[in-house]
Amino acid sequence: MTPAEAGAALRRMHTEDDLLQVVNVWDVASARTIAALPETRAVATASRSIAAVFGYPDGERMPVELMLDLTGLIARAVDVPVSADLESGYGSPGETVRRAIGVGVVGANLEDAMRPLPESAAAVAAAVAAADAEGVPFALNARTDVWLTGGERTRADRSGEAIERGRAYLDAGATCVFVPGDLGEDDIAELVDGIGWRRVSVIGFPAVPPPDRLVELGIARISYGPAPHRVALEALQDLATMLHRGGVLPPAIRTLN
């Protein structure tokens, strides 16, 4: 697919009746492993996992060049659309989106980090304008951290602010609004009612309903953040522990790399 075709396909995936599930990846091997599954329609990077590959903490602490270099390798290694976790845009959302498109990315998460709403909406608008200038349909998953940083505020207050921010981000051109948090069915129904059908994206936290129910609730997309990377590292550590205790490798290991 050309970048324009991949971008258009990714945007359609957010509005189709089927839930878009993206299992987050962190390097070429993980991306190829996930992309090889027939169920995989797109892949997405996780910023915490990408940072961990290079030994950095999350939160735009790693050089943007490293992130883009690895993300570009991932995009070139798979035949499905790739969405990148661009955190808050590394100081320049428009320029970072432009550079991401240049390495083959056709969608992105962009965090608001709970900055003032006008500033956050302007960042979304800048990212959308940069993508438009590149001539690539771009699936911008505008993230609000209301539920993650809500503190002592009531659930109703958090939901109200998430809806206000989400509507503003859609007005600024976002494809979808990402509201990460341990959301139950009532929370999700309220967000979808306030933001729009197939316009809300969630993360797979424990309280979040299973995929079939999310379809019924009108959710567009679910991702899993750093959890897949943690599961892989847990399996590696468990294997090493077993070997150190006198065990041997399993007789059959799939060749996934």
C-alpha atoms as a PDB file:
ATOM      1  CA  MET A   1       0.000   0.000   0.000  1.00  0.00           C
ATOM      2  CA  THR A   2       1.045   3.558  -0.604  1.00  0.00           C
ATOM      3  CA  PRO A   3       1.109   5.858   2.457  1.00  0.00           C
ATOM      4  CA  ALA A   4      -2.124   7.473   1.267  1.00  0.00           C
ATOM      5  CA  GLU A   5      -3.807   4.074   0.896  1.00  0.00           C
ATOM      6  CA  ALA A   6      -2.555   2.910   4.286  1.00  0.00           C
ATOM      7  CA  GLY A   7      -3.714   6.114   5.958  1.00  0.00           C
ATOM      8  CA  ALA A   8      -7.153   5.925   4.371  1.00  0.00           C
ATOM      9  CA  ALA A   9      -7.450   2.287   5.427  1.00  0.00           C
ATOM     10  CA  LEU A  10      -6.490   3.082   9.018  1.00  0.00           C
ATOM     11  CA  ARG A  11      -9.012   5.877   9.214  1.00  0.00           C
ATOM     12  CA  ARG A  12     -11.751   3.576   7.895  1.00  0.00           C
ATOM     13  CA  MET A  13     -10.882   1.020  10.564  1.00  0.00           C
ATOM     14  CA  HIS A  14     -11.892   3.545  13.215  1.00  0.00           C
ATOM     15  CA  THR A  15     -15.402   3.981  11.806  1.00  0.00           C
ATOM     16  CA  GLU A  16     -16.309   0.475  10.625  1.00  0.00           C
ATOM     17  CA  ASP A  17     -18.671  -1.710  12.636  1.00  0.00           C
ATOM     18  CA  ASP A  18     -15.827  -3.989  13.784  1.00  0.00           C
ATOM     19  CA  LEU A  19     -13.752  -2.914  16.774  1.00  0.00           C
ATOM     20  CA  LEU A  20     -10.186  -2.033  15.813  1.00  0.00           C
ATOM     21  CA  GLN A  21      -7.847  -3.959  18.118  1.00  0.00           C
ATOM     22  CA  VAL A  22      -4.205  -2.943  18.052  1.00  0.00           C
ATOM     23  CA  VAL A  23      -1.717  -5.004  20.036  1.00  0.00           C
ATOM     24  CA  ASN A  24       1.117  -2.619  20.780  1.00  0.00           C
ATOM     25  CA  VAL A  25       4.648  -3.371  19.601  1.00  0.00           C
ATOM     26  CA  TRP A  26       8.119  -2.089  20.471  1.00  0.00           C
ATOM     27  CA  ASP A  27      10.582  -3.296  17.809  1.00  0.00           C
ATOM     28  CA  VAL A  28      10.718  -4.947  14.401  1.00  0.00           C
ATOM     29  CA  ALA A  29      10.540  -8.502  15.769  1.00  0.00           C
ATOM     30  CA  SER A  30       7.444  -7.803  17.844  1.00  0.00           C
ATOM     31  CA  ALA A  31       5.820  -5.895  14.967  1.00  0.00           C
ATOM     32  CA  ARG A  32       6.417  -8.712  12.489  1.00  0.00           C
ATOM     33  CA  THR A  33       5.156 -11.272  14.989  1.00  0.00           C
ATOM     34  CA  ILE A  34       1.877  -9.396  15.505  1.00  0.00           C
ATOM     35  CA  ALA A  35       1.469  -8.403  11.850  1.00  0.00           C
ATOM     36  CA  ALA A  36       1.801 -12.055  10.798  1.00  0.00           C
ATOM     37  CA  LEU A  37      -1.494 -12.911  12.513  1.00  0.00           C
ATOM     38  CA  PRO A  38      -4.465 -12.957  10.113  1.00  0.00           C
ATOM     39  CA  GLU A  39      -6.539 -11.017  12.652  1.00  0.00           C
ATOM     40  CA  THR A  40      -4.127  -8.081  12.665  1.00  0.00           C
ATOM     41  CA  ARG A  41      -5.339  -5.105  10.636  1.00  0.00           C
ATOM     42  CA  ALA A  42      -2.931  -2.501  12.050  1.00  0.00           C
ATOM     43  CA  VAL A  43      -0.190  -2.200  14.634  1.00  0.00           C
ATOM     44  CA  ALA A  44       0.647   0.573  17.054  1.00  0.00           C
ATOM     45  CA  THR A  45       3.745   1.395  19.039  1.00  0.00           C
ATOM     46  CA  ALA A  46       3.747   2.051  22.788  1.00  0.00           C
ATOM     47  CA  SER A  47       5.884   4.967  23.957  1.00  0.00           C
ATOM     48  CA  ARG A  48       6.858   3.372  27.271  1.00  0.00           C
ATOM     49  CA  SER A  49       7.965   0.204  25.502  1.00  0.00           C
ATOM     50  CA  ILE A  50       9.902   2.061  22.795  1.00  0.00           C
ATOM     51  CA  ALA A  51      11.669   4.119  25.459  1.00  0.00           C
ATOM     52  CA  ALA A  52      12.514   0.960  27.406  1.00  0.00           C
ATOM     53  CA  VAL A  53      14.185  -0.540  24.325  1.00  0.00           C
ATOM     54  CA  PHE A  54      16.747   2.260  24.520  1.00  0.00           C
ATOM     55  CA  GLY A  55      16.922   2.390  28.319  1.00  0.00           C
ATOM     56  CA  TYR A  56      14.959   5.616  28.786  1.00  0.00           C
ATOM     57  CA  PRO A  57      11.983   6.321  31.050  1.00  0.00           C
ATOM     58  CA  ASP A  58       8.671   7.211  29.454  1.00  0.00           C
ATOM     59  CA  GLY A  59       7.589  10.814  29.023  1.00  0.00           C
ATOM     60  CA  GLU A  60       9.563  12.220  26.066  1.00  0.00           C
ATOM     61  CA  ARG A  61      12.840  11.578  27.854  1.00  0.00           C
ATOM     62  CA  MET A  62      14.392   9.835  24.857  1.00  0.00           C
ATOM     63  CA  PRO A  63      15.574  11.766  21.776  1.00  0.00           C
ATOM     64  CA  VAL A  64      12.801  12.081  19.225  1.00  0.00           C
ATOM     65  CA  GLU A  65      15.236  10.918  16.531  1.00  0.00           C
ATOM     66  CA  LEU A  66      15.624   7.529  18.237  1.00  0.00           C
ATOM     67  CA  MET A  67      11.881   7.091  18.498  1.00  0.00           C
ATOM     68  CA  LEU A  68      11.326   8.009  14.859  1.00  0.00           C
ATOM     69  CA  ASP A  69      14.182   5.812  13.621  1.00  0.00           C
ATOM     70  CA  LEU A  70      12.787   2.730  15.340  1.00  0.00           C
ATOM     71  CA  THR A  71       9.215   3.546  14.373  1.00  0.00           C
ATOM     72  CA  GLY A  72      10.312   3.882  10.760  1.00  0.00           C
ATOM     73  CA  LEU A  73      11.987   0.466  10.885  1.00  0.00           C
ATOM     74  CA  ILE A  74       8.726  -0.976  12.188  1.00  0.00           C
ATOM     75  CA  ALA A  75       6.670   0.722   9.475  1.00  0.00           C
ATOM     76  CA  ARG A  76       8.947  -0.602   6.744  1.00  0.00           C
ATOM     77  CA  ALA A  77       8.913  -4.121   8.173  1.00  0.00           C
ATOM     78  CA  VAL A  78       5.158  -4.772   8.066  1.00  0.00           C
ATOM     79  CA  ASP A  79       2.431  -4.644   5.441  1.00  0.00           C
ATOM     80  CA  VAL A  80      -0.289  -3.175   7.662  1.00  0.00           C
ATOM     81  CA  PRO A  81      -0.841   0.470   8.673  1.00  0.00           C
ATOM     82  CA  VAL A  82       1.275   1.665  11.593  1.00  0.00           C
ATOM     83  CA  SER A  83       0.172   4.137  14.256  1.00  0.00           C
ATOM     84  CA  ALA A  84       2.865   5.673  16.445  1.00  0.00           C
ATOM     85  CA  ASP A  85       2.665   6.808  20.046  1.00  0.00           C
ATOM     86  CA  LEU A  86       4.038  10.332  19.712  1.00  0.00           C
ATOM     87  CA  GLU A  87       3.387  11.226  23.380  1.00  0.00           C
ATOM     88  CA  SER A  88       2.686  14.988  23.493  1.00  0.00           C
ATOM     89  CA  GLY A  89       4.442  15.710  20.207  1.00  0.00           C
ATOM     90  CA  TYR A  90       7.996  16.236  21.515  1.00  0.00           C
ATOM     91  CA  GLY A  91       7.601  19.982  21.699  1.00  0.00           C
ATOM     92  CA  SER A  92       6.221  20.414  18.186  1.00  0.00           C
ATOM     93  CA  PRO A  93       3.212  18.220  17.344  1.00  0.00           C
ATOM     94  CA  GLY A  94       2.977  19.353  13.741  1.00  0.00           C
ATOM     95  CA  GLU A  95       6.651  18.839  12.987  1.00  0.00           C
ATOM     96  CA  THR A  96       6.731  15.477  14.767  1.00  0.00           C
ATOM     97  CA  VAL A  97       3.720  14.254  12.785  1.00  0.00           C
ATOM     98  CA  ARG A  98       5.348  15.464   9.569  1.00  0.00           C
ATOM     99  CA  ARG A  99       8.521  13.539  10.393  1.00  0.00           C
ATOM    100  CA  ALA A 100       6.529  10.463  11.415  1.00  0.00           C
ATOM    101  CA  ILE A 101       4.750  10.454   8.077  1.00  0.00           C
ATOM    102  CA  GLY A 102       8.155  10.693   6.439  1.00  0.00           C
ATOM    103  CA  VAL A 103       9.192   7.351   7.982  1.00  0.00           C
ATOM    104  CA  GLY A 104       5.975   5.597   6.988  1.00  0.00           C
ATOM    105  CA  VAL A 105       3.594   6.218   9.879  1.00  0.00           C
ATOM    106  CA  VAL A 106      -0.061   6.909   9.017  1.00  0.00           C
ATOM    107  CA  GLY A 107      -1.600   7.419  12.455  1.00  0.00           C
ATOM    108  CA  ALA A 108      -0.631   8.538  15.936  1.00  0.00           C
ATOM    109  CA  ASN A 109      -1.592   8.984  19.539  1.00  0.00           C
ATOM    110  CA  LEU A 110      -1.155  12.546  20.756  1.00  0.00           C
ATOM    111  CA  GLU A 111      -1.456  13.203  24.509  1.00  0.00           C
ATOM    112  CA  ASP A 112      -2.854  16.367  26.047  1.00  0.00           C
ATOM    113  CA  ALA A 113      -1.044  15.804  29.380  1.00  0.00           C
ATOM    114  CA  MET A 114      -3.912  17.849  30.822  1.00  0.00           C
ATOM    115  CA  ARG A 115      -2.588  21.109  29.460  1.00  0.00           C
ATOM    116  CA  PRO A 116      -5.121  23.947  29.156  1.00  0.00           C
ATOM    117  CA  LEU A 117      -7.809  22.999  26.644  1.00  0.00           C
ATOM    118  CA  PRO A 118      -7.070  25.769  24.096  1.00  0.00           C
ATOM    119  CA  GLU A 119      -3.409  24.736  24.031  1.00  0.00           C
ATOM    120  CA  SER A 120      -4.280  21.051  23.670  1.00  0.00           C
ATOM    121  CA  ALA A 121      -6.816  21.665  20.914  1.00  0.00           C
ATOM    122  CA  ALA A 122      -4.258  23.812  19.073  1.00  0.00           C
ATOM    123  CA  ALA A 123      -1.765  20.919  19.239  1.00  0.00           C
ATOM    124  CA  VAL A 124      -4.334  18.590  17.669  1.00  0.00           C
ATOM    125  CA  ALA A 125      -5.064  21.153  14.952  1.00  0.00           C
ATOM    126  CA  ALA A 126      -1.339  21.540  14.233  1.00  0.00           C
ATOM    127  CA  ALA A 127      -0.897  17.781  13.916  1.00  0.00           C
ATOM    128  CA  VAL A 128      -3.863  17.493  11.557  1.00  0.00           C
ATOM    129  CA  ALA A 129      -2.670  20.426   9.445  1.00  0.00           C
ATOM    130  CA  ALA A 130       0.799  18.883   9.136  1.00  0.00           C
ATOM    131  CA  ALA A 131      -0.682  15.598   7.925  1.00  0.00           C
ATOM    132  CA  ASP A 132      -2.923  17.399   5.449  1.00  0.00           C
ATOM    133  CA  ALA A 133       0.086  19.289   4.101  1.00  0.00           C
ATOM    134  CA  GLU A 134       1.833  15.965   3.469  1.00  0.00           C
ATOM    135  CA  GLY A 135      -1.188  14.702   1.520  1.00  0.00           C
ATOM    136  CA  VAL A 136      -1.624  11.618   3.723  1.00  0.00           C
ATOM    137  CA  PRO A 137      -4.944  10.702   5.346  1.00  0.00           C
ATOM    138  CA  PHE A 138      -3.871  10.445   8.981  1.00  0.00           C
ATOM    139  CA  ALA A 139      -5.658   8.708  11.861  1.00  0.00           C
ATOM    140  CA  LEU A 140      -5.055  10.975  14.840  1.00  0.00           C
ATOM    141  CA  ASN A 141      -6.048   9.362  18.129  1.00  0.00           C
ATOM    142  CA  ALA A 142      -6.198  12.418  20.391  1.00  0.00           C
ATOM    143  CA  ARG A 143      -5.594  11.334  23.964  1.00  0.00           C
ATOM    144  CA  THR A 144      -6.882  13.003  27.103  1.00  0.00           C
ATOM    145  CA  ASP A 145      -5.494  11.987  30.479  1.00  0.00           C
ATOM    146  CA  VAL A 146      -8.517  13.106  32.499  1.00  0.00           C
ATOM    147  CA  TRP A 147      -9.129   9.639  33.903  1.00  0.00           C
ATOM    148  CA  LEU A 148      -5.475   8.949  34.662  1.00  0.00           C
ATOM    149  CA  THR A 149      -4.845  12.225  36.480  1.00  0.00           C
ATOM    150  CA  GLY A 150      -8.285  12.843  37.931  1.00  0.00           C
ATOM    151  CA  GLY A 151      -7.112  12.831  41.529  1.00  0.00           C
ATOM    152  CA  GLU A 152      -9.982  13.390  43.949  1.00  0.00           C
ATOM    153  CA  ARG A 153     -12.463  14.532  41.318  1.00  0.00           C
ATOM    154  CA  THR A 154     -15.681  12.552  41.002  1.00  0.00           C
ATOM    155  CA  ARG A 155     -16.239  10.189  38.119  1.00  0.00           C
ATOM    156  CA  ALA A 156     -18.927  12.533  36.827  1.00  0.00           C
ATOM    157  CA  ASP A 157     -16.487  15.452  36.810  1.00  0.00           C
ATOM    158  CA  ARG A 158     -13.858  13.393  35.008  1.00  0.00           C
ATOM    159  CA  SER A 159     -16.366  12.197  32.451  1.00  0.00           C
ATOM    160  CA  GLY A 160     -17.613  15.738  31.859  1.00  0.00           C
ATOM    161  CA  GLU A 161     -14.135  17.089  31.236  1.00  0.00           C
ATOM    162  CA  ALA A 162     -13.191  14.139  29.011  1.00  0.00           C
ATOM    163  CA  ILE A 163     -16.282  14.819  26.907  1.00  0.00           C
ATOM    164  CA  GLU A 164     -15.518  18.535  26.700  1.00  0.00           C
ATOM    165  CA  ARG A 165     -11.947  17.868  25.649  1.00  0.00           C
ATOM    166  CA  GLY A 166     -12.929  15.069  23.290  1.00  0.00           C
ATOM    167  CA  ARG A 167     -15.411  17.237  21.424  1.00  0.00           C
ATOM    168  CA  ALA A 168     -12.823  19.978  21.088  1.00  0.00           C
ATOM    169  CA  TYR A 169     -10.279  17.534  19.680  1.00  0.00           C
ATOM    170  CA  LEU A 170     -12.772  16.190  17.157  1.00  0.00           C
ATOM    171  CA  ASP A 171     -13.585  19.766  16.149  1.00  0.00           C
ATOM    172  CA  ALA A 172      -9.841  20.300  15.643  1.00  0.00           C
ATOM    173  CA  GLY A 173      -9.739  17.364  13.217  1.00  0.00           C
ATOM    174  CA  ALA A 174      -8.922  14.300  15.325  1.00  0.00           C
ATOM    175  CA  THR A 175     -10.138  10.950  14.025  1.00  0.00           C
ATOM    176  CA  CYS A 176     -10.820   9.521  17.446  1.00  0.00           C
ATOM    177  CA  VAL A 177     -10.554  10.440  21.134  1.00  0.00           C
ATOM    178  CA  PHE A 178      -8.424   8.193  23.342  1.00  0.00           C
ATOM    179  CA  VAL A 179      -9.531   8.109  26.982  1.00  0.00           C
ATOM    180  CA  PRO A 180      -7.205   5.709  28.837  1.00  0.00           C
ATOM    181  CA  GLY A 181      -8.391   4.599  32.250  1.00  0.00           C
ATOM    182  CA  ASP A 182      -9.945   1.729  34.175  1.00  0.00           C
ATOM    183  CA  LEU A 183     -13.369   2.414  32.683  1.00  0.00           C
ATOM    184  CA  GLY A 184     -16.475   0.391  33.436  1.00  0.00           C
ATOM    185  CA  GLU A 185     -19.479  -0.011  31.162  1.00  0.00           C
ATOM    186  CA  ASP A 186     -21.338   2.989  32.572  1.00  0.00           C
ATOM    187  CA  ASP A 187     -18.292   5.218  32.138  1.00  0.00           C
ATOM    188  CA  ILE A 188     -17.819   4.071  28.554  1.00  0.00           C
ATOM    189  CA  ALA A 189     -21.488   4.505  27.685  1.00  0.00           C
ATOM    190  CA  GLU A 190     -21.397   8.071  29.011  1.00  0.00           C
ATOM    191  CA  LEU A 191     -18.251   8.902  27.055  1.00  0.00           C
ATOM    192  CA  VAL A 192     -19.648   7.477  23.823  1.00  0.00           C
ATOM    193  CA  ASP A 193     -22.923   9.336  24.351  1.00  0.00           C
ATOM    194  CA  GLY A 194     -21.042  12.602  24.877  1.00  0.00           C
ATOM    195  CA  ILE A 195     -18.246  12.266  22.308  1.00  0.00           C
ATOM    196  CA  GLY A 196     -19.781  10.120  19.593  1.00  0.00           C
ATOM    197  CA  TRP A 197     -20.436   6.630  18.331  1.00  0.00           C
ATOM    198  CA  ARG A 198     -17.193   5.016  17.104  1.00  0.00           C
ATOM    199  CA  ARG A 199     -15.277   8.113  18.122  1.00  0.00           C
ATOM    200  CA  VAL A 200     -13.859   6.854  21.447  1.00  0.00           C
ATOM    201  CA  SER A 201     -10.742   4.723  21.954  1.00  0.00           C
ATOM    202  CA  VAL A 202      -9.862   2.867  25.171  1.00  0.00           C
ATOM    203  CA  ILE A 203      -7.039   0.837  26.664  1.00  0.00           C
ATOM    204  CA  GLY A 204      -7.376  -2.709  27.954  1.00  0.00           C
ATOM    205  CA  PHE A 205      -7.421  -2.122  31.711  1.00  0.00           C
ATOM    206  CA  PRO A 206      -9.036  -4.710  34.051  1.00  0.00           C
ATOM    207  CA  ALA A 207     -12.442  -3.018  34.345  1.00  0.00           C
ATOM    208  CA  VAL A 208     -12.754  -2.428  30.598  1.00  0.00           C
ATOM    209  CA  PRO A 209     -15.288  -4.853  29.046  1.00  0.00           C
ATOM    210  CA  PRO A 210     -14.220  -7.508  26.517  1.00  0.00           C
ATOM    211  CA  PRO A 211     -14.101  -6.680  22.804  1.00  0.00           C
ATOM    212  CA  ASP A 212     -17.543  -8.021  21.909  1.00  0.00           C
ATOM    213  CA  ARG A 213     -19.140  -5.775  24.510  1.00  0.00           C
ATOM    214  CA  LEU A 214     -17.084  -2.775  23.407  1.00  0.00           C
ATOM    215  CA  VAL A 215     -18.547  -3.168  19.924  1.00  0.00           C
ATOM    216  CA  GLU A 216     -22.036  -3.027  21.406  1.00  0.00           C
ATOM    217  CA  LEU A 217     -21.100   0.068  23.431  1.00  0.00           C
ATOM    218  CA  GLY A 218     -19.898   1.908  20.318  1.00  0.00           C
ATOM    219  CA  ILE A 219     -16.141   1.963  20.987  1.00  0.00           C
ATOM    220  CA  ALA A 220     -13.943   2.453  17.917  1.00  0.00           C
ATOM    221  CA  ARG A 221     -10.608   1.075  19.070  1.00  0.00           C
ATOM    222  CA  ILE A 222      -8.839  -0.707  21.890  1.00  0.00           C
ATOM    223  CA  SER A 223      -5.090  -0.837  22.435  1.00  0.00           C
ATOM    224  CA  TYR A 224      -3.000  -2.362  25.201  1.00  0.00           C
ATOM    225  CA  GLY A 225      -0.135   0.063  25.839  1.00  0.00           C
ATOM    226  CA  PRO A 226       2.978  -1.426  27.440  1.00  0.00           C
ATOM    227  CA  ALA A 227       1.165  -4.575  28.635  1.00  0.00           C
ATOM    228  CA  PRO A 228       2.231  -6.810  25.681  1.00  0.00           C
ATOM    229  CA  HIS A 229       5.873  -5.824  26.241  1.00  0.00           C
ATOM    230  CA  ARG A 230       5.557  -6.603  29.949  1.00  0.00           C
ATOM    231  CA  VAL A 231       4.013  -9.987  29.188  1.00  0.00           C
ATOM    232  CA  ALA A 232       6.916 -10.792  26.842  1.00  0.00           C
ATOM    233  CA  LEU A 233       9.502  -9.718  29.421  1.00  0.00           C
ATOM    234  CA  GLU A 234       7.719 -11.717  32.119  1.00  0.00           C
ATOM    235  CA  ALA A 235       7.876 -14.823  29.931  1.00  0.00           C
ATOM    236  CA  LEU A 236      11.594 -14.194  29.313  1.00  0.00           C
ATOM    237  CA  GLN A 237      12.322 -13.774  33.021  1.00  0.00           C
ATOM    238  CA  ASP A 238      10.298 -16.880  33.891  1.00  0.00           C
ATOM    239  CA  LEU A 239      12.251 -18.873  31.295  1.00  0.00           C
ATOM    240  CA  ALA A 240      15.573 -17.625  32.677  1.00  0.00           C
ATOM    241  CA  THR A 241      14.487 -18.490  36.222  1.00  0.00           C
ATOM    242  CA  MET A 242      13.552 -22.010  35.143  1.00  0.00           C
ATOM    243  CA  LEU A 243      16.889 -22.479  33.348  1.00  0.00           C
ATOM    244  CA  HIS A 244      18.874 -21.164  36.334  1.00  0.00           C
ATOM    245  CA  ARG A 245      17.082 -23.700  38.514  1.00  0.00           C
ATOM    246  CA  GLY A 246      18.187 -26.607  36.398  1.00  0.00           C
ATOM    247  CA  GLY A 247      15.477 -26.718  33.756  1.00  0.00           C
ATOM    248  CA  VAL A 248      15.920 -27.172  30.023  1.00  0.00           C
ATOM    249  CA  LEU A 249      14.460 -25.448  27.012  1.00  0.00           C
ATOM    250  CA  PRO A 250      11.026 -26.660  25.865  1.00  0.00           C
ATOM    251  CA  PRO A 251      11.238 -29.327  23.144  1.00  0.00           C
ATOM    252  CA  ALA A 252       9.239 -27.243  20.649  1.00  0.00           C
ATOM    253  CA  ILE A 253       9.765 -23.511  20.249  1.00  0.00           C
ATOM    254  CA  ARG A 254       8.132 -21.610  17.424  1.00  0.00           C
ATOM    255  CA  THR A 255      10.607 -19.772  15.213  1.00  0.00           C
ATOM    256  CA  LEU A 256       9.111 -16.282  15.342  1.00  0.00           C
ATOM    257  CA  ASN A 257      12.309 -14.395  14.559  1.00  0.00           C
END
